[in-house]
C-alpha cells in the first residue's frame, strides 16, 4: 500500500440513502454505482444486505455490475448479517464485508444492553466468520469517538487478531472536534498492536459541521481510507462530502502530500446524477458543486477574476467537469450537435438513450428559442430510461383564475388506450393532479413538492421533483417543461408509474 495513497470508500448507496426522504430503487443504485466507478471510487458500499430484500438485491446487482471497484456490504456483528452480506457480495470481482458494533459506554448500555466483554466476543466471532467467506473484511467500532480509549484499543486489536484487514473509526454522531479526532488517530497509530499491518479508515458525520475537517485531519495523522458520500448526503446532517475530501487533497497536495484515484472531471457529472435520482439538490452555497461555487457578484471579485481567475478561485471549474457554453442549440440543430454538447457535459448515452433524448431535445427546441447547457443538463439530469412508462401524458388543458376554482382536463395513454378526465382543484396544478388520480384510480399522497428554474430567462425550463405515497409505498418523480403545470404533471406521473410497476416492488 502506497503510504501517500488515500482510498475512497463511497457510502452514498448505504449511508447516503438514509437521508430523510430519499429512497433509491435497484436500477438507480446500479447506475450510480457504475458512475462512481467511472469517477474512480475504490470501494462502493452498496447497501446493508440483511436490512431488506431490496437492499440485498441492490448489493447483488451492484456487485455484478462493477468491474474495478470493490463492492462492500454492511453487516452487524451477528451471524445472520455476515452470512447475508457474503451471499450478496460473492458475485463481486472484489468483495468486501464491513461488520460493525457499537463500543461507546452509552451505546453498549442503552442500545446493545451488552457488557464490554460480550461486545469483544461478538467482534471476534463475527470477524472470524466473515474472514472464512471473504478475503477482505472491514471492522468498525460504532461511536468510536466517544469510546473509552483503552477499550477502543482492545476492540481494534481483537478485530485485527481475528483477521480484519481494514479497521475504520467512525465519528458516528459528529461529536469530535478536529484536534480531538486527530489525537485519537495518533493514539491508535501509536498504541494498537498490528495497526501498521492494516488499513486505517475514518467515517465522519457532519452534526457540528466538522466531517470534512475531521476526515482530512485523520489523513494527516495516518488514516489511509476515507468514507464519504456524494453531495455529503446521509443521516441527520449528513456525511463527509466526497467532493470536498477529494478536492481538499487535490488542491492542497502541497500540504497533505496525498492523492486519490479520483478523476476529478467526473465530480460534477456524479453530483448531478445523485441529485437527480434522490431529489436532493445541494445548497447553492455548497462547496465545490453548489450552483454558486464559481459565481462572483462583488465588483472587486469580478475585476480580479477577469484579470486572473486565481485571484478568487483556488480550483478550476474545468477540473470538476464543468464546461462553458460552446455553442447555441436550437430547433434547427442536428443530432451530431446535440451529441457533441451532451458528451462535452459528461453524458454517455447508448443508441436507445440517445434516440429518446434527441426526441425530447427537439420537442424542447420547438418550444424554446435557444437551448442552453443548463437546459440540456435538466433534460438529461434524471437519466433517460429509469421510469417505466405505464401511463403516458398525451395532452392537458388547465383553466385558472383568482376568483374561481381551477379546472383541468387531461388525457393519458395506457397500453394503447386513451383516458380523459376533468377535475376541479385549488389551482391548475392541483386540478391536473386530481385528474391523474381519477384516470389511474389511485389517490396519491403528495409528500414533497419542489420546483425550480433549471435554466435562465422568461422561457426557462421548470424542473419539478415530487415524492408521492400510496398505502405504505413511496416513490419519487421528476418532470421538466417550460410550463410548470406540465412539469408537475410529468413528475406526478413518473411517481405514479414507479408505484405501480412490478419492477420496483
Protein backbone atom coordinates (compact mmCIF):
# COMPACT_ATOMS: atom_id res chain seq x y z
CA UNK A 1 0.00 0.00 0.00
CA UNK A 2 1.47 3.33 -1.07
CA UNK A 3 1.80 5.48 2.02
CA UNK A 4 0.51 8.59 0.24
CA UNK A 5 -2.47 6.90 -1.46
CA UNK A 6 -5.88 7.63 0.11
CA UNK A 7 -8.58 5.08 -0.64
CA UNK A 8 -12.10 6.41 -1.09
CA UNK A 9 -14.99 4.32 0.21
CA UNK A 10 -18.24 5.79 -1.05
CA UNK A 11 -21.32 5.03 1.03
CA UNK A 12 -23.87 7.10 -0.91
CA UNK A 13 -25.90 3.95 -1.65
CA UNK A 14 -26.00 2.91 2.02
CA UNK A 15 -25.50 5.79 4.45
CA UNK A 16 -26.42 8.40 1.84
CA UNK A 17 -29.76 6.70 1.24
CA UNK A 18 -30.53 7.24 4.93
CA UNK A 19 -31.03 10.93 4.08
CA UNK A 20 -34.61 11.71 5.18
CA UNK A 21 -36.98 11.37 2.21
CA UNK A 22 -34.53 9.52 -0.06
CA UNK A 23 -35.41 6.10 -1.43
CA UNK A 24 -33.46 4.72 -4.39
CA UNK A 25 -34.62 1.74 -6.43
CA UNK A 26 -32.29 -1.02 -7.60
CA UNK A 27 -31.67 0.21 -11.18
CA UNK A 28 -30.89 3.70 -9.87
CA UNK A 29 -28.39 2.26 -7.40
CA UNK A 30 -26.68 0.30 -10.15
CA UNK A 31 -26.43 3.38 -12.38
CA UNK A 32 -24.99 5.46 -9.54
CA UNK A 33 -22.52 2.68 -8.69
CA UNK A 34 -21.33 2.50 -12.29
CA UNK A 35 -20.83 6.26 -12.33
CA UNK A 36 -18.93 6.08 -9.04
CA UNK A 37 -16.66 3.51 -10.66
CA UNK A 38 -16.05 5.88 -13.58
CA UNK A 39 -15.34 8.59 -11.01
CA UNK A 40 -12.60 6.37 -9.62
CA UNK A 41 -14.01 5.37 -6.24
CA UNK A 42 -12.06 2.44 -4.74
CA UNK A 43 -14.82 0.80 -2.67
CA UNK A 44 -18.59 1.18 -3.02
CA UNK A 45 -20.72 0.32 -0.01
CA UNK A 46 -23.77 -0.86 -1.93
CA UNK A 47 -26.11 -1.44 0.99
CA UNK A 48 -26.97 -3.35 4.13
CA UNK A 49 -27.73 -6.79 2.70
CA UNK A 50 -29.71 -8.14 5.65
CA UNK A 51 -31.85 -4.99 6.06
CA UNK A 52 -34.41 -5.88 3.39
CA UNK A 53 -34.91 -7.85 0.17
CA UNK A 54 -34.46 -4.63 -1.79
CA UNK A 55 -31.13 -3.86 -0.12
CA UNK A 56 -29.94 -7.43 -0.69
CA UNK A 57 -30.84 -7.29 -4.39
CA UNK A 58 -29.18 -3.90 -4.77
CA UNK A 59 -25.90 -5.24 -3.37
CA UNK A 60 -26.13 -8.29 -5.66
CA UNK A 61 -26.82 -6.22 -8.77
CA UNK A 62 -24.11 -3.66 -7.96
CA UNK A 63 -21.64 -6.48 -7.31
CA UNK A 64 -22.39 -7.97 -10.71
CA UNK A 65 -22.14 -4.61 -12.49
CA UNK A 66 -18.82 -3.34 -11.13
CA UNK A 67 -15.59 -4.12 -12.96
CA UNK A 68 -12.83 -2.40 -10.97
CA UNK A 69 -14.23 -1.02 -7.70
CA UNK A 70 -14.74 -3.27 -4.68
CA UNK A 71 -18.33 -3.98 -3.61
CA UNK A 72 -19.00 -3.77 0.11
CA UNK A 73 -22.00 -4.73 2.24
CA UNK A 74 -22.58 -3.59 5.80
CA UNK A 75 -23.27 -6.24 8.47
CA UNK A 76 -23.84 -6.06 12.18
CA UNK A 77 -21.71 -8.33 14.34
CA UNK A 78 -24.05 -11.30 14.15
CA UNK A 79 -24.09 -14.49 12.11
CA UNK A 80 -27.21 -13.71 10.07
CA UNK A 81 -25.92 -10.33 8.88
CA UNK A 82 -22.47 -11.65 7.98
CA UNK A 83 -23.93 -14.57 6.01
CA UNK A 84 -26.35 -12.28 4.16
CA UNK A 85 -23.51 -9.90 3.30
CA UNK A 86 -21.46 -12.80 1.95
CA UNK A 87 -24.34 -14.07 -0.17
CA UNK A 88 -24.74 -10.61 -1.68
CA UNK A 89 -21.11 -9.65 -2.35
CA UNK A 90 -19.94 -13.08 -3.53
CA UNK A 91 -20.81 -12.04 -7.10
CA UNK A 92 -18.30 -9.17 -6.98
CA UNK A 93 -14.88 -9.18 -8.59
CA UNK A 94 -13.64 -7.52 -5.39
CA UNK A 95 -15.97 -8.41 -2.49
CA UNK A 96 -15.76 -6.83 0.97
CA UNK A 97 -17.76 -7.43 4.15
CA UNK A 98 -17.98 -4.48 6.55
CA UNK A 99 -19.05 -5.59 10.01
CA UNK A 100 -19.64 -3.26 12.95
CA UNK A 101 -20.83 -2.98 16.54
CA UNK A 102 -21.20 -0.05 18.93
CA UNK A 103 -18.44 0.35 21.51
CA UNK A 104 -19.16 3.54 23.47
CA UNK A 105 -20.48 3.20 27.02
CA UNK A 106 -23.77 4.93 26.16
CA UNK A 107 -24.42 2.63 23.19
CA UNK A 108 -23.42 -0.57 24.99
CA UNK A 109 -25.60 0.28 27.99
CA UNK A 110 -28.71 1.72 26.38
CA UNK A 111 -28.82 0.29 22.85
CA UNK A 112 -27.00 -3.04 22.90
CA UNK A 113 -27.51 -3.78 26.60
CA UNK A 114 -24.23 -5.74 26.45
CA UNK A 115 -21.15 -5.84 28.63
CA UNK A 116 -17.80 -4.81 27.15
CA UNK A 117 -16.61 -8.44 27.27
CA UNK A 118 -19.70 -9.59 25.33
CA UNK A 119 -19.02 -6.93 22.70
CA UNK A 120 -15.42 -8.11 22.34
CA UNK A 121 -16.61 -11.70 21.89
CA UNK A 122 -19.11 -10.59 19.25
CA UNK A 123 -16.34 -8.80 17.36
CA UNK A 124 -14.05 -11.82 17.43
CA UNK A 125 -16.75 -14.26 16.33
CA UNK A 126 -18.14 -12.06 13.55
CA UNK A 127 -14.81 -11.02 12.06
CA UNK A 128 -13.56 -14.62 12.10
CA UNK A 129 -16.76 -15.81 10.41
CA UNK A 130 -16.52 -13.08 7.77
CA UNK A 131 -12.88 -13.98 7.08
CA UNK A 132 -13.86 -17.59 6.33
CA UNK A 133 -16.07 -16.46 3.43
CA UNK A 134 -14.44 -13.22 2.22
CA UNK A 135 -10.80 -12.22 1.76
CA UNK A 136 -11.40 -8.54 2.53
CA UNK A 137 -13.08 -7.82 5.85
CA UNK A 138 -13.50 -4.40 7.42
CA UNK A 139 -14.47 -3.74 11.03
CA UNK A 140 -15.88 -0.51 12.52
CA UNK A 141 -16.49 0.30 16.21
CA UNK A 142 -19.62 2.45 16.02
CA UNK A 143 -19.36 5.71 18.01
CA UNK A 144 -15.58 5.28 18.22
CA UNK A 145 -15.00 8.94 19.02
CA UNK A 146 -16.99 8.59 22.28
CA UNK A 147 -15.50 5.22 23.20
CA UNK A 148 -13.07 4.85 26.10
CA UNK A 149 -9.60 4.91 24.51
CA UNK A 150 -8.26 1.86 26.29
CA UNK A 151 -11.35 -0.16 25.42
CA UNK A 152 -11.15 1.07 21.82
CA UNK A 153 -7.58 -0.20 21.69
CA UNK A 154 -8.76 -3.65 22.85
CA UNK A 155 -11.60 -3.58 20.34
CA UNK A 156 -9.32 -2.87 17.40
CA UNK A 157 -6.72 -5.41 18.48
CA UNK A 158 -9.46 -8.03 18.76
CA UNK A 159 -10.66 -7.28 15.22
CA UNK A 160 -7.13 -7.30 13.80
CA UNK A 161 -6.24 -10.58 15.53
CA UNK A 162 -9.46 -12.09 14.17
CA UNK A 163 -8.39 -11.23 10.62
CA UNK A 164 -9.78 -7.79 9.73
CA UNK A 165 -7.70 -6.10 7.04
CA UNK A 166 -9.33 -2.69 7.42
CA UNK A 167 -10.31 -1.05 10.71
CA UNK A 168 -12.42 2.07 10.48
CA UNK A 169 -13.06 4.73 13.13
CA UNK A 170 -16.50 6.38 12.89
CA UNK A 171 -17.34 9.73 14.42
CA UNK A 172 -20.90 8.44 14.31
CA UNK A 173 -22.68 11.45 15.78
CA UNK A 174 -20.29 14.15 14.58
CA UNK A 175 -19.25 14.88 18.16
CA UNK A 176 -15.48 15.12 17.89
CA UNK A 177 -13.52 18.30 17.34
CA UNK A 178 -10.70 18.38 14.81
CA UNK A 179 -7.90 18.36 17.39
CA UNK A 180 -9.58 15.57 19.38
CA UNK A 181 -10.11 13.40 16.33
CA UNK A 182 -6.55 13.89 15.14
CA UNK A 183 -5.29 12.95 18.60
CA UNK A 184 -7.46 9.82 18.55
CA UNK A 185 -5.98 8.69 15.22
CA UNK A 186 -2.48 9.38 16.54
CA UNK A 187 -3.23 7.37 19.71
CA UNK A 188 -4.48 4.43 17.64
CA UNK A 189 -1.44 4.52 15.36
CA UNK A 190 0.92 4.53 18.34
CA UNK A 191 -0.82 2.09 20.70
CA UNK A 192 -2.75 -0.59 18.80
CA UNK A 193 -0.80 -3.77 18.13
CA UNK A 194 -0.93 -4.72 14.45
CA UNK A 195 -2.27 -1.35 13.27
CA UNK A 196 0.58 -0.96 10.76
CA UNK A 197 -0.47 -4.21 9.06
CA UNK A 198 -4.00 -3.00 8.23
CA UNK A 199 -5.61 -0.03 6.51
CA UNK A 200 -6.90 2.55 8.98
CA UNK A 201 -10.06 4.33 7.82
CA UNK A 202 -12.43 7.01 9.13
CA UNK A 203 -16.14 7.72 8.76
CA UNK A 204 -17.23 11.17 9.92
CA UNK A 205 -20.68 12.71 10.28
CA UNK A 206 -21.42 16.42 9.98
CA UNK A 207 -23.59 17.18 13.01
CA UNK A 208 -21.27 20.00 14.07
CA UNK A 209 -20.13 20.83 10.54
CA UNK A 210 -16.73 19.16 11.03
CA UNK A 211 -16.99 15.95 9.00
CA UNK A 212 -14.63 17.02 6.22
CA UNK A 213 -12.21 18.78 8.57
CA UNK A 214 -12.06 15.73 10.85
CA UNK A 215 -11.51 13.40 7.90
CA UNK A 216 -8.68 15.49 6.49
CA UNK A 217 -7.05 15.77 9.92
CA UNK A 218 -7.25 11.98 10.17
CA UNK A 219 -5.37 11.75 6.87
CA UNK A 220 -2.62 13.96 8.29
CA UNK A 221 -2.36 11.61 11.27
CA UNK A 222 -2.06 8.47 9.15
CA UNK A 223 -5.55 7.33 8.09
CA UNK A 224 -5.47 5.96 4.56
CA UNK A 225 -9.15 5.27 3.85
CA UNK A 226 -11.90 7.89 3.99
CA UNK A 227 -15.61 7.04 3.92
CA UNK A 228 -17.78 9.72 2.35
CA UNK A 229 -20.87 10.38 0.23
CA UNK A 230 -21.61 12.36 -2.90
CA UNK A 231 -23.00 15.80 -2.00
CA UNK A 232 -22.43 14.97 1.68
CA UNK A 233 -25.71 13.05 1.88
CA UNK A 234 -26.59 10.96 4.91
CA UNK A 235 -28.37 10.56 8.21
CA UNK A 236 -29.25 13.81 10.03
CA UNK A 237 -26.76 16.48 8.87
CA UNK A 238 -25.06 14.05 6.51
CA UNK A 239 -21.57 12.62 5.99
CA UNK A 240 -18.22 13.97 4.92
CA UNK A 241 -18.71 15.09 1.31
CA UNK A 242 -16.71 13.10 -1.24
CA UNK A 243 -16.14 16.11 -3.48
CA UNK A 244 -14.79 18.21 -0.59
CA UNK A 245 -12.45 15.47 0.63
CA UNK A 246 -11.12 14.81 -2.86
CA UNK A 247 -10.66 18.44 -3.85
CA UNK A 248 -9.16 19.29 -0.48
CA UNK A 249 -6.45 16.68 -1.12
CA UNK A 250 -6.17 17.70 -4.78
CA UNK A 251 -5.86 21.46 -4.33
CA UNK A 252 -3.71 21.22 -1.17
CA UNK A 253 -1.47 18.34 -2.19
CA UNK A 254 1.41 20.55 -1.09
CA UNK A 255 0.03 20.37 2.48
CA UNK A 256 -1.41 16.85 2.75
CA UNK A 257 1.11 15.12 0.47
CA UNK A 258 -1.53 12.56 -0.52
CA UNK A 259 -3.54 11.66 -3.58
CA UNK A 260 -6.61 9.65 -4.52
CA UNK A 261 -7.56 7.68 -7.61
CA UNK A 262 -10.48 10.01 -8.34
CA UNK A 263 -10.96 11.50 -11.81
CA UNK A 264 -12.00 14.97 -10.67
CA UNK A 265 -13.51 15.77 -14.09
CA UNK A 266 -16.33 13.35 -13.21
CA UNK A 267 -17.29 15.09 -9.96
CA UNK A 268 -19.85 17.48 -11.48
CA UNK A 269 -21.49 14.71 -13.50
CA UNK A 270 -21.67 12.40 -10.48
CA UNK A 271 -23.12 15.11 -8.26
CA UNK A 272 -25.82 15.94 -10.80
CA UNK A 273 -26.75 12.27 -11.21
CA UNK A 274 -27.11 11.68 -7.48
CA UNK A 275 -29.08 14.91 -7.02
CA UNK A 276 -31.39 13.93 -9.88
CA UNK A 277 -32.10 10.44 -8.56
CA UNK A 278 -32.55 11.47 -4.94
CA UNK A 279 -34.44 14.74 -5.44
CA UNK A 280 -31.92 16.21 -3.00
CA UNK A 281 -30.38 19.24 -4.65
CA UNK A 282 -27.27 20.61 -2.89
CA UNK A 283 -27.50 24.10 -1.42
CA UNK A 284 -26.41 26.83 -3.89
CA UNK A 285 -23.63 27.72 -1.45
CA UNK A 286 -22.40 24.13 -1.14
CA UNK A 287 -18.62 23.92 -1.50
CA UNK A 288 -17.26 22.55 -4.79
CA UNK A 289 -20.55 21.63 -6.51
CA UNK A 290 -23.09 24.25 -5.35
CA UNK A 291 -24.65 26.45 -8.03
CA UNK A 292 -22.81 29.49 -6.64
CA UNK A 293 -19.42 27.80 -6.18
CA UNK A 294 -17.90 29.62 -9.18
CA UNK A 295 -20.09 32.73 -9.31
CA UNK A 296 -18.84 36.23 -8.43
CA UNK A 297 -21.17 39.15 -7.71
CA UNK A 298 -18.90 41.61 -5.93
CA UNK A 299 -17.38 44.15 -8.29
CA UNK A 300 -13.98 43.77 -6.64
CA UNK A 301 -14.12 40.00 -7.10
CA UNK A 302 -15.30 40.30 -10.69
CA UNK A 303 -12.46 42.67 -11.52
CA UNK A 304 -9.91 40.28 -10.07
CA UNK A 305 -11.33 37.22 -11.79
CA UNK A 306 -11.42 38.98 -15.16
CA UNK A 307 -7.71 39.66 -14.86
CA UNK A 308 -6.76 36.30 -13.39
CA UNK A 309 -9.21 33.68 -12.11
CA UNK A 310 -6.71 32.54 -9.49
CA UNK A 311 -7.30 35.78 -7.61
CA UNK A 312 -10.55 34.41 -6.21
CA UNK A 313 -10.72 30.77 -7.37
CA UNK A 314 -8.47 28.11 -5.84
CA UNK A 315 -9.56 25.49 -8.37
CA UNK A 316 -10.79 25.43 -11.94
CA UNK A 317 -14.37 24.60 -12.80
CA UNK A 318 -12.99 22.57 -15.71
CA UNK A 319 -11.18 20.31 -13.22
CA UNK A 320 -14.61 19.27 -11.91
CA UNK A 321 -16.03 18.53 -15.34
CA UNK A 322 -17.88 21.82 -15.73
CA UNK A 323 -17.67 23.35 -19.19
CA UNK A 324 -18.63 26.69 -20.64
CA UNK A 325 -21.24 27.21 -23.35
CA UNK A 326 -19.56 26.02 -26.54
CA UNK A 327 -22.42 26.54 -28.96
CA UNK A 328 -26.05 27.59 -29.02
CA UNK A 329 -28.55 24.89 -29.91
CA UNK A 330 -31.99 25.45 -31.37
CA UNK A 331 -34.73 23.73 -33.33
CA UNK A 332 -32.55 23.53 -36.45
CA UNK A 333 -29.66 21.84 -34.62
CA UNK A 334 -28.97 18.27 -35.70
CA UNK A 335 -28.26 15.10 -33.77
CA UNK A 336 -24.48 15.46 -34.11
CA UNK A 337 -24.50 18.89 -32.49
CA UNK A 338 -26.68 17.56 -29.68
CA UNK A 339 -24.39 14.55 -29.17
CA UNK A 340 -21.29 16.76 -29.08
CA UNK A 341 -22.81 19.05 -26.47
CA UNK A 342 -24.14 16.18 -24.33
CA UNK A 343 -20.74 14.47 -24.37
CA UNK A 344 -18.97 17.74 -23.55
CA UNK A 345 -21.22 17.99 -20.49
CA UNK A 346 -20.17 14.48 -19.45
CA UNK A 347 -23.17 12.41 -20.55
CA UNK A 348 -22.60 8.98 -22.09
CA UNK A 349 -25.68 7.74 -23.89
CA UNK A 350 -26.19 4.47 -25.74
CA UNK A 351 -28.14 4.49 -29.03
CA UNK A 352 -31.55 3.89 -27.41
CA UNK A 353 -31.00 6.58 -24.77
CA UNK A 354 -29.70 8.96 -27.42
CA UNK A 355 -32.80 8.49 -29.57
CA UNK A 356 -35.07 9.19 -26.60
CA UNK A 357 -33.01 12.19 -25.51
CA UNK A 358 -32.91 13.69 -29.01
CA UNK A 359 -36.70 13.48 -29.35
CA UNK A 360 -37.04 15.32 -26.03
CA UNK A 361 -34.47 17.88 -27.15
CA UNK A 362 -36.32 18.58 -30.43
CA UNK A 363 -39.60 18.95 -28.55
CA UNK A 364 -37.95 21.41 -26.18
CA UNK A 365 -36.29 23.31 -29.03
CA UNK A 366 -39.68 23.76 -30.72
CA UNK A 367 -40.96 25.48 -27.58
CA UNK A 368 -37.84 27.41 -26.55
CA UNK A 369 -35.86 29.74 -28.82
CA UNK A 370 -32.41 28.81 -27.50
CA UNK A 371 -31.37 25.64 -25.64
CA UNK A 372 -28.57 26.20 -23.13
CA UNK A 373 -26.23 23.85 -21.31
CA UNK A 374 -28.42 24.08 -18.23
CA UNK A 375 -31.42 23.09 -20.34
CA UNK A 376 -29.55 20.02 -21.60
CA UNK A 377 -28.43 19.13 -18.08
CA UNK A 378 -32.04 19.41 -16.91
CA UNK A 379 -33.15 17.27 -19.84
CA UNK A 380 -30.61 14.53 -19.13
CA UNK A 381 -30.06 15.00 -15.41
CA UNK A 382 -32.58 12.41 -14.20
CA UNK A 383 -31.36 9.85 -16.74
CA UNK A 384 -33.39 8.64 -19.68
CA UNK A 385 -34.98 5.28 -19.04
CA UNK A 386 -35.33 4.75 -15.31
CA UNK A 387 -39.10 5.27 -15.04
CA UNK A 388 -41.29 2.56 -16.58
CA UNK A 389 -43.74 4.36 -18.88
CA UNK A 390 -47.01 2.72 -17.89
CA UNK A 391 -49.04 5.91 -18.16
CA UNK A 392 -48.05 8.49 -20.79
CA UNK A 393 -49.27 12.08 -20.89
CA UNK A 394 -50.93 12.88 -24.21
CA UNK A 395 -52.36 16.35 -23.55
CA UNK A 396 -53.76 18.64 -20.89
CA UNK A 397 -55.66 21.89 -20.65
CA UNK A 398 -55.90 23.97 -17.49
CA UNK A 399 -58.07 27.00 -16.73
CA UNK A 400 -57.47 29.08 -13.63
CA UNK A 401 -58.19 32.47 -12.11
CA UNK A 402 -58.04 34.24 -8.77
CA UNK A 403 -61.82 34.21 -8.28
CA UNK A 404 -62.91 30.74 -9.50
CA UNK A 405 -61.76 27.19 -8.84
CA UNK A 406 -59.28 25.91 -11.43
CA UNK A 407 -60.29 23.23 -13.92
CA UNK A 408 -58.00 20.79 -15.73
CA UNK A 409 -58.79 18.29 -18.48
CA UNK A 410 -56.15 15.67 -19.03
CA UNK A 411 -55.63 12.75 -21.41
CA UNK A 412 -53.26 9.88 -20.66
CA UNK A 413 -52.45 6.71 -22.58
CA UNK A 414 -52.00 3.23 -21.14
CA UNK A 415 -51.36 0.15 -23.27
CA UNK A 416 -52.64 1.94 -26.36
CA UNK A 417 -55.88 3.13 -24.76
CA UNK A 418 -56.54 6.83 -24.17
CA UNK A 419 -58.25 8.00 -20.98
CA UNK A 420 -59.59 11.53 -20.41
CA UNK A 421 -60.80 13.09 -17.17
CA UNK A 422 -61.63 16.57 -15.87
CA UNK A 423 -61.10 17.73 -12.30
CA UNK A 424 -61.52 20.88 -10.26
CA UNK A 425 -58.94 21.98 -7.72
CA UNK A 426 -57.23 24.77 -5.82
CA UNK A 427 -55.13 25.96 -8.72
CA UNK A 428 -54.17 24.49 -12.07
CA UNK A 429 -51.60 22.07 -10.66
CA UNK A 430 -53.95 20.66 -8.02
CA UNK A 431 -56.69 20.21 -10.61
CA UNK A 432 -54.34 18.46 -13.05
CA UNK A 433 -53.05 16.06 -10.41
CA UNK A 434 -56.59 15.23 -9.33
CA UNK A 435 -57.37 14.40 -12.97
CA UNK A 436 -54.41 12.00 -12.99
CA UNK A 437 -55.81 10.34 -9.84
CA UNK A 438 -59.20 9.92 -11.49
CA UNK A 439 -57.65 8.22 -14.52
CA UNK A 440 -55.39 5.91 -12.51
CA UNK A 441 -57.92 5.14 -9.80
CA UNK A 442 -55.21 5.81 -7.21
CA UNK A 443 -55.41 8.82 -4.91
CA UNK A 444 -51.73 9.55 -4.28
CA UNK A 445 -50.47 11.45 -1.27
CA UNK A 446 -48.18 14.31 -2.22
CA UNK A 447 -45.37 14.09 0.35
CA UNK A 448 -42.90 16.53 -1.18
CA UNK A 449 -43.07 19.09 -3.98
CA UNK A 450 -40.11 21.13 -5.16
CA UNK A 451 -39.96 23.37 -8.22
CA UNK A 452 -37.03 25.34 -9.55
CA UNK A 453 -35.99 27.12 -12.72
CA UNK A 454 -33.47 24.78 -14.33
CA UNK A 455 -32.23 27.47 -16.71
CA UNK A 456 -32.39 31.23 -17.19
CA UNK A 457 -34.84 33.61 -18.84
CA UNK A 458 -38.58 34.02 -19.14
CA UNK A 459 -38.74 30.79 -21.12
CA UNK A 460 -36.70 28.89 -18.51
CA UNK A 461 -37.35 25.20 -18.02
CA UNK A 462 -39.23 24.34 -14.85
CA UNK A 463 -37.90 21.28 -13.05
CA UNK A 464 -40.32 19.67 -10.62
CA UNK A 465 -39.37 16.93 -8.18
CA UNK A 466 -42.07 15.17 -6.21
CA UNK A 467 -42.31 12.40 -3.66
CA UNK A 468 -45.65 10.60 -3.67
CA UNK A 469 -47.08 7.86 -1.50
CA UNK A 470 -49.75 5.20 -1.79
CA UNK A 471 -50.57 2.82 1.08
CA UNK A 472 -47.16 2.12 2.63
CA UNK A 473 -45.14 2.71 -0.55
CA UNK A 474 -43.24 5.82 -1.55
CA UNK A 475 -41.77 6.85 -4.91
CA UNK A 476 -40.18 9.90 -6.43
CA UNK A 477 -40.78 11.53 -9.79
CA UNK A 478 -39.16 14.24 -11.88
CA UNK A 479 -40.60 16.35 -14.68
CA UNK A 480 -39.24 19.15 -16.82
CA UNK A 481 -41.03 21.54 -19.16
CA UNK A 482 -41.18 25.25 -19.99
CA UNK A 483 -44.68 25.01 -18.44
CA UNK A 484 -44.66 24.49 -14.66
CA UNK A 485 -48.08 22.79 -14.74
CA UNK A 486 -46.90 20.29 -17.34
CA UNK A 487 -43.65 19.71 -15.44
CA UNK A 488 -45.72 19.00 -12.32
CA UNK A 489 -47.98 16.55 -14.14
CA UNK A 490 -44.97 14.74 -15.65
CA UNK A 491 -43.32 14.47 -12.25
CA UNK A 492 -46.53 13.12 -10.69
CA UNK A 493 -46.99 10.57 -13.47
CA UNK A 494 -43.38 9.45 -13.08
CA UNK A 495 -44.01 8.77 -9.40
CA UNK A 496 -47.28 7.01 -10.23
CA UNK A 497 -45.55 4.79 -12.79
CA UNK A 498 -42.91 3.80 -10.25
CA UNK A 499 -45.55 2.92 -7.67
CA UNK A 500 -47.49 0.60 -9.95
CA UNK A 501 -44.56 -1.04 -11.68
CA UNK A 502 -43.80 -4.59 -10.60
CA UNK A 503 -40.17 -3.90 -11.49
CA UNK A 504 -39.73 -1.76 -8.41
CA UNK A 505 -41.72 -3.69 -5.80
